[in-house]
Amino acid sequence: MSKSKRFPYVLTNQAFLPDEALPFLPLKLSRENETVEALGLIDSGATINVLPYQVGLKLGSVWEN
């Protein structure tokens, strides 16, 4: 059995999670000619993934469609 790679835990400054360390994965997202680097929260129990609105805008998405 191979060892799993650990991801860095980053302290959050969110009001709802003060000083909480959560695992994040660096991401590079691309759409057409746009690229955005972001951090994605690792949630191995999640059944859906969410793209933040501002990241979608930077990639050129039109949310109204």
C-alpha atoms as a PDB file:
ATOM      1  CA  MET A   1       0.000   0.000   0.000  1.00  0.00           C
ATOM      2  CA  SER A   2       1.467   3.362  -0.989  1.00  0.00           C
ATOM      3  CA  LYS A   3       1.615   6.324   1.348  1.00  0.00           C
ATOM      4  CA  SER A   4      -0.763   9.141   0.560  1.00  0.00           C
ATOM      5  CA  LYS A   5       0.699  12.594   0.058  1.00  0.00           C
ATOM      6  CA  ARG A   6      -0.276  15.131   2.696  1.00  0.00           C
ATOM      7  CA  PHE A   7      -1.536  18.548   1.728  1.00  0.00           C
ATOM      8  CA  PRO A   8      -0.569  21.763   3.509  1.00  0.00           C
ATOM      9  CA  TYR A   9      -2.920  23.020   6.191  1.00  0.00           C
ATOM     10  CA  VAL A  10      -3.489  26.776   6.069  1.00  0.00           C
ATOM     11  CA  LEU A  11      -4.781  28.943   8.903  1.00  0.00           C
ATOM     12  CA  THR A  12      -8.001  30.688   7.960  1.00  0.00           C
ATOM     13  CA  ASN A  13      -8.949  34.212   8.936  1.00  0.00           C
ATOM     14  CA  GLN A  14     -12.657  33.659   8.463  1.00  0.00           C
ATOM     15  CA  ALA A  15     -15.006  34.998  11.153  1.00  0.00           C
ATOM     16  CA  PHE A  16     -16.827  31.648  11.261  1.00  0.00           C
ATOM     17  CA  LEU A  17     -13.558  29.660  11.649  1.00  0.00           C
ATOM     18  CA  PRO A  18     -11.038  31.826  13.502  1.00  0.00           C
ATOM     19  CA  ASP A  19      -7.550  30.324  13.626  1.00  0.00           C
ATOM     20  CA  GLU A  20      -8.733  27.054  12.089  1.00  0.00           C
ATOM     21  CA  ALA A  21      -6.209  25.118   9.972  1.00  0.00           C
ATOM     22  CA  LEU A  22      -7.749  23.484   6.882  1.00  0.00           C
ATOM     23  CA  PRO A  23      -6.181  21.419   4.052  1.00  0.00           C
ATOM     24  CA  PHE A  24      -5.865  23.256   0.736  1.00  0.00           C
ATOM     25  CA  LEU A  25      -4.679  22.185  -2.715  1.00  0.00           C
ATOM     26  CA  PRO A  26      -3.085  24.697  -5.111  1.00  0.00           C
ATOM     27  CA  LEU A  27      -5.025  24.714  -8.407  1.00  0.00           C
ATOM     28  CA  LYS A  28      -4.562  26.182 -11.853  1.00  0.00           C
ATOM     29  CA  LEU A  29      -7.896  26.524 -13.651  1.00  0.00           C
ATOM     30  CA  SER A  30      -8.122  27.334 -17.360  1.00  0.00           C
ATOM     31  CA  ARG A  31     -10.993  28.241 -19.677  1.00  0.00           C
ATOM     32  CA  GLU A  32     -10.346  29.306 -23.253  1.00  0.00           C
ATOM     33  CA  ASN A  33      -7.486  31.866 -22.968  1.00  0.00           C
ATOM     34  CA  GLU A  34      -7.942  32.649 -19.251  1.00  0.00           C
ATOM     35  CA  THR A  35      -6.031  31.008 -16.390  1.00  0.00           C
ATOM     36  CA  VAL A  36      -6.565  31.507 -12.664  1.00  0.00           C
ATOM     37  CA  GLU A  37      -4.462  30.168  -9.812  1.00  0.00           C
ATOM     38  CA  ALA A  38      -6.430  29.444  -6.656  1.00  0.00           C
ATOM     39  CA  LEU A  39      -6.494  27.328  -3.526  1.00  0.00           C
ATOM     40  CA  GLY A  40      -9.123  24.611  -3.265  1.00  0.00           C
ATOM     41  CA  LEU A  41     -10.337  23.323   0.084  1.00  0.00           C
ATOM     42  CA  ILE A  42      -9.955  19.559   0.327  1.00  0.00           C
ATOM     43  CA  ASP A  43     -13.182  17.989   1.570  1.00  0.00           C
ATOM     44  CA  SER A  44     -13.041  14.250   0.938  1.00  0.00           C
ATOM     45  CA  GLY A  45     -16.600  13.820   2.191  1.00  0.00           C
ATOM     46  CA  ALA A  46     -18.170  16.364  -0.150  1.00  0.00           C
ATOM     47  CA  THR A  47     -20.692  15.198  -2.741  1.00  0.00           C
ATOM     48  CA  ILE A  48     -20.473  18.414  -4.780  1.00  0.00           C
ATOM     49  CA  ASN A  49     -17.797  20.960  -5.651  1.00  0.00           C
ATOM     50  CA  VAL A  50     -18.302  24.715  -5.684  1.00  0.00           C
ATOM     51  CA  LEU A  51     -16.505  27.246  -7.846  1.00  0.00           C
ATOM     52  CA  PRO A  52     -16.414  30.676  -6.181  1.00  0.00           C
ATOM     53  CA  TYR A  53     -18.271  33.344  -8.150  1.00  0.00           C
ATOM     54  CA  GLN A  54     -15.219  35.650  -8.454  1.00  0.00           C
ATOM     55  CA  VAL A  55     -13.055  32.815  -9.840  1.00  0.00           C
ATOM     56  CA  GLY A  56     -15.713  32.063 -12.451  1.00  0.00           C
ATOM     57  CA  LEU A  57     -15.796  35.723 -13.461  1.00  0.00           C
ATOM     58  CA  LYS A  58     -12.001  35.802 -13.854  1.00  0.00           C
ATOM     59  CA  LEU A  59     -12.269  32.783 -16.146  1.00  0.00           C
ATOM     60  CA  GLY A  60     -14.824  34.596 -18.293  1.00  0.00           C
ATOM     61  CA  SER A  61     -17.908  32.635 -17.228  1.00  0.00           C
ATOM     62  CA  VAL A  62     -21.314  34.220 -17.653  1.00  0.00           C
ATOM     63  CA  TRP A  63     -23.329  33.071 -14.624  1.00  0.00           C
ATOM     64  CA  GLU A  64     -26.618  34.437 -15.902  1.00  0.00           C
ATOM     65  CA  ASN A  65     -26.652  31.784 -18.653  1.00  0.00           C
END
